[in-house]
Amino acid sequence: MTEKEIFDKIAKIIHERFEVELDKITPELNFTQDLDVDSIDLVEFVLELEDTFGAEIPDEEAEKMTTVADVVAYVKAHQS
């Protein structure tokens, strides 16, 4: 899967889960600062990422993912 395909899937999840317009979702988008996402929302988001991409994301790795670019990079590095 290409980086663009990964980004598009993640953007779709963010759009549906956090009600953000697709054109506002950029690699630099920060979950806590820009979207005011709390820890429960982040856990649910990570669970949805795991289901979508078929990979487990350890809690310590999930905590490091603060931007969309971080999530894309993690998924790209860990795709099977």
N, C-alpha and C. Protein backbone atom coordinates (compact mmCIF):
# COMPACT_ATOMS: atom_id res chain seq x y z
N MET A 1 0.85 -1.17 0.00
CA MET A 1 0.00 0.00 0.00
C MET A 1 0.90 1.25 0.00
N THR A 2 0.57 2.20 -0.83
CA THR A 2 1.39 3.41 -0.92
C THR A 2 1.09 4.36 0.24
N GLU A 3 2.00 5.31 0.44
CA GLU A 3 1.81 6.30 1.48
C GLU A 3 0.50 7.09 1.25
N LYS A 4 0.21 7.38 0.00
CA LYS A 4 -1.02 8.13 -0.35
C LYS A 4 -2.26 7.30 0.01
N GLU A 5 -2.23 6.01 -0.30
CA GLU A 5 -3.37 5.15 0.02
C GLU A 5 -3.57 5.06 1.53
N ILE A 6 -2.46 4.94 2.26
CA ILE A 6 -2.53 4.90 3.73
C ILE A 6 -3.11 6.21 4.26
N PHE A 7 -2.59 7.34 3.77
CA PHE A 7 -3.08 8.65 4.19
C PHE A 7 -4.57 8.78 3.93
N ASP A 8 -5.01 8.37 2.74
CA ASP A 8 -6.43 8.49 2.38
C ASP A 8 -7.32 7.68 3.31
N LYS A 9 -6.89 6.46 3.68
CA LYS A 9 -7.68 5.64 4.60
C LYS A 9 -7.73 6.28 5.98
N ILE A 10 -6.60 6.79 6.44
CA ILE A 10 -6.56 7.44 7.75
C ILE A 10 -7.41 8.70 7.74
N ALA A 11 -7.33 9.47 6.67
CA ALA A 11 -8.13 10.70 6.55
C ALA A 11 -9.62 10.37 6.61
N LYS A 12 -10.02 9.28 5.97
CA LYS A 12 -11.43 8.87 5.98
C LYS A 12 -11.88 8.53 7.40
N ILE A 13 -11.03 7.84 8.15
CA ILE A 13 -11.36 7.49 9.54
C ILE A 13 -11.49 8.77 10.37
N ILE A 14 -10.54 9.69 10.22
CA ILE A 14 -10.58 10.96 10.97
C ILE A 14 -11.83 11.74 10.61
N HIS A 15 -12.14 11.78 9.32
CA HIS A 15 -13.34 12.49 8.85
C HIS A 15 -14.60 11.94 9.51
N GLU A 16 -14.72 10.61 9.53
CA GLU A 16 -15.92 9.97 10.08
C GLU A 16 -15.96 10.04 11.60
N ARG A 17 -14.82 9.81 12.25
CA ARG A 17 -14.78 9.73 13.71
C ARG A 17 -14.81 11.09 14.39
N PHE A 18 -14.07 12.06 13.82
CA PHE A 18 -13.92 13.35 14.48
C PHE A 18 -14.64 14.49 13.74
N GLU A 19 -15.38 14.13 12.68
CA GLU A 19 -16.17 15.09 11.91
C GLU A 19 -15.34 16.28 11.42
N VAL A 20 -14.21 15.95 10.81
CA VAL A 20 -13.32 16.96 10.23
C VAL A 20 -13.46 16.89 8.71
N GLU A 21 -13.59 18.05 8.08
CA GLU A 21 -13.68 18.07 6.62
C GLU A 21 -12.40 17.47 6.03
N LEU A 22 -12.55 16.66 4.97
CA LEU A 22 -11.41 15.99 4.37
C LEU A 22 -10.33 16.96 3.91
N ASP A 23 -10.73 18.13 3.39
CA ASP A 23 -9.73 19.07 2.90
C ASP A 23 -8.95 19.76 4.02
N LYS A 24 -9.38 19.57 5.26
CA LYS A 24 -8.68 20.14 6.41
C LYS A 24 -7.68 19.15 7.02
N ILE A 25 -7.70 17.91 6.55
CA ILE A 25 -6.83 16.87 7.10
C ILE A 25 -5.51 16.88 6.32
N THR A 26 -4.45 17.24 7.03
CA THR A 26 -3.12 17.30 6.45
C THR A 26 -2.18 16.41 7.26
N PRO A 27 -0.99 16.11 6.72
CA PRO A 27 -0.03 15.31 7.50
C PRO A 27 0.35 15.99 8.83
N GLU A 28 0.30 17.32 8.87
CA GLU A 28 0.72 18.05 10.07
C GLU A 28 -0.38 18.13 11.13
N LEU A 29 -1.59 17.71 10.80
CA LEU A 29 -2.71 17.80 11.74
C LEU A 29 -2.36 17.07 13.04
N ASN A 30 -2.47 17.78 14.16
CA ASN A 30 -2.15 17.22 15.48
C ASN A 30 -3.46 16.86 16.18
N PHE A 31 -3.53 15.63 16.67
CA PHE A 31 -4.78 15.13 17.24
C PHE A 31 -5.20 15.91 18.49
N THR A 32 -4.28 16.16 19.40
CA THR A 32 -4.66 16.82 20.65
C THR A 32 -4.72 18.34 20.49
N GLN A 33 -3.81 18.92 19.75
CA GLN A 33 -3.79 20.38 19.63
C GLN A 33 -4.82 20.90 18.63
N ASP A 34 -4.91 20.27 17.46
CA ASP A 34 -5.81 20.77 16.41
C ASP A 34 -7.23 20.23 16.54
N LEU A 35 -7.37 19.00 17.02
CA LEU A 35 -8.70 18.39 17.09
C LEU A 35 -9.25 18.31 18.51
N ASP A 36 -8.42 18.62 19.50
CA ASP A 36 -8.84 18.55 20.90
C ASP A 36 -9.38 17.16 21.25
N VAL A 37 -8.66 16.13 20.79
CA VAL A 37 -9.06 14.74 21.01
C VAL A 37 -8.57 14.30 22.38
N ASP A 38 -9.45 13.65 23.16
CA ASP A 38 -9.04 13.16 24.47
C ASP A 38 -8.50 11.73 24.37
N SER A 39 -8.01 11.22 25.49
CA SER A 39 -7.35 9.91 25.48
C SER A 39 -8.29 8.78 25.10
N ILE A 40 -9.54 8.86 25.49
CA ILE A 40 -10.51 7.81 25.13
C ILE A 40 -10.74 7.81 23.62
N ASP A 41 -10.90 9.00 23.04
CA ASP A 41 -11.06 9.10 21.58
C ASP A 41 -9.84 8.53 20.86
N LEU A 42 -8.65 8.81 21.39
CA LEU A 42 -7.43 8.31 20.76
C LEU A 42 -7.36 6.79 20.81
N VAL A 43 -7.75 6.20 21.94
CA VAL A 43 -7.74 4.74 22.06
C VAL A 43 -8.70 4.13 21.03
N GLU A 44 -9.89 4.70 20.92
CA GLU A 44 -10.87 4.19 19.94
C GLU A 44 -10.35 4.36 18.51
N PHE A 45 -9.67 5.48 18.25
CA PHE A 45 -9.07 5.73 16.94
C PHE A 45 -8.01 4.67 16.63
N VAL A 46 -7.15 4.38 17.60
CA VAL A 46 -6.10 3.37 17.41
C VAL A 46 -6.73 2.00 17.16
N LEU A 47 -7.79 1.66 17.88
CA LEU A 47 -8.47 0.38 17.66
C LEU A 47 -9.02 0.30 16.24
N GLU A 48 -9.57 1.39 15.76
CA GLU A 48 -10.08 1.42 14.39
C GLU A 48 -8.95 1.29 13.38
N LEU A 49 -7.82 1.92 13.66
CA LEU A 49 -6.64 1.78 12.79
C LEU A 49 -6.19 0.32 12.74
N GLU A 50 -6.17 -0.33 13.90
CA GLU A 50 -5.76 -1.74 13.96
C GLU A 50 -6.69 -2.60 13.11
N ASP A 51 -7.99 -2.36 13.19
CA ASP A 51 -8.96 -3.11 12.39
C ASP A 51 -8.77 -2.83 10.90
N THR A 52 -8.57 -1.57 10.56
CA THR A 52 -8.46 -1.18 9.16
C THR A 52 -7.21 -1.73 8.50
N PHE A 53 -6.09 -1.68 9.23
CA PHE A 53 -4.81 -2.06 8.64
C PHE A 53 -4.33 -3.45 9.06
N GLY A 54 -5.09 -4.12 9.94
CA GLY A 54 -4.76 -5.49 10.32
C GLY A 54 -3.45 -5.62 11.06
N ALA A 55 -3.10 -4.63 11.86
CA ALA A 55 -1.86 -4.68 12.62
C ALA A 55 -2.11 -4.15 14.03
N GLU A 56 -1.47 -4.80 15.00
CA GLU A 56 -1.60 -4.33 16.38
C GLU A 56 -0.65 -3.16 16.60
N ILE A 57 -1.14 -2.14 17.29
CA ILE A 57 -0.31 -0.97 17.60
C ILE A 57 -0.14 -0.94 19.11
N PRO A 58 1.09 -1.22 19.59
CA PRO A 58 1.32 -1.21 21.05
C PRO A 58 1.04 0.18 21.63
N ASP A 59 0.59 0.20 22.90
CA ASP A 59 0.25 1.46 23.56
C ASP A 59 1.39 2.46 23.53
N GLU A 60 2.62 1.98 23.78
CA GLU A 60 3.76 2.91 23.81
C GLU A 60 4.02 3.53 22.43
N GLU A 61 3.70 2.81 21.36
CA GLU A 61 3.83 3.36 20.01
C GLU A 61 2.69 4.34 19.72
N ALA A 62 1.49 3.98 20.15
CA ALA A 62 0.32 4.84 19.92
C ALA A 62 0.51 6.20 20.60
N GLU A 63 1.13 6.19 21.79
CA GLU A 63 1.35 7.44 22.51
C GLU A 63 2.28 8.39 21.77
N LYS A 64 3.16 7.84 20.93
CA LYS A 64 4.11 8.66 20.17
C LYS A 64 3.47 9.29 18.93
N MET A 65 2.33 8.79 18.52
CA MET A 65 1.68 9.27 17.31
C MET A 65 0.82 10.48 17.62
N THR A 66 1.35 11.66 17.33
CA THR A 66 0.62 12.88 17.65
C THR A 66 0.05 13.56 16.41
N THR A 67 0.59 13.22 15.24
CA THR A 67 0.10 13.83 13.99
C THR A 67 -0.31 12.74 13.01
N VAL A 68 -1.02 13.17 11.98
CA VAL A 68 -1.42 12.24 10.91
C VAL A 68 -0.16 11.63 10.26
N ALA A 69 0.87 12.44 10.06
CA ALA A 69 2.12 11.95 9.46
C ALA A 69 2.73 10.83 10.30
N ASP A 70 2.66 10.95 11.63
CA ASP A 70 3.18 9.91 12.52
C ASP A 70 2.45 8.59 12.30
N VAL A 71 1.14 8.67 12.15
CA VAL A 71 0.32 7.47 11.95
C VAL A 71 0.64 6.84 10.59
N VAL A 72 0.73 7.66 9.55
CA VAL A 72 1.06 7.16 8.22
C VAL A 72 2.42 6.45 8.24
N ALA A 73 3.40 7.08 8.86
CA ALA A 73 4.75 6.50 8.91
C ALA A 73 4.74 5.16 9.66
N TYR A 74 4.01 5.09 10.76
CA TYR A 74 3.93 3.84 11.52
C TYR A 74 3.29 2.74 10.70
N VAL A 75 2.16 3.04 10.09
CA VAL A 75 1.45 2.03 9.29
C VAL A 75 2.31 1.57 8.14
N LYS A 76 2.96 2.51 7.44
CA LYS A 76 3.81 2.16 6.30
C LYS A 76 4.95 1.25 6.73
N ALA A 77 5.55 1.54 7.87
CA ALA A 77 6.68 0.73 8.37
C ALA A 77 6.26 -0.65 8.86
N HIS A 78 4.99 -0.81 9.23
CA HIS A 78 4.54 -2.06 9.83
C HIS A 78 3.51 -2.82 9.00
N GLN A 79 3.37 -2.47 7.72
CA GLN A 79 2.39 -3.23 6.93
C GLN A 79 2.97 -4.59 6.56
N SER A 80 2.06 -5.56 6.48
CA SER A 80 2.53 -6.93 6.21
C SER A 80 2.45 -7.26 4.74
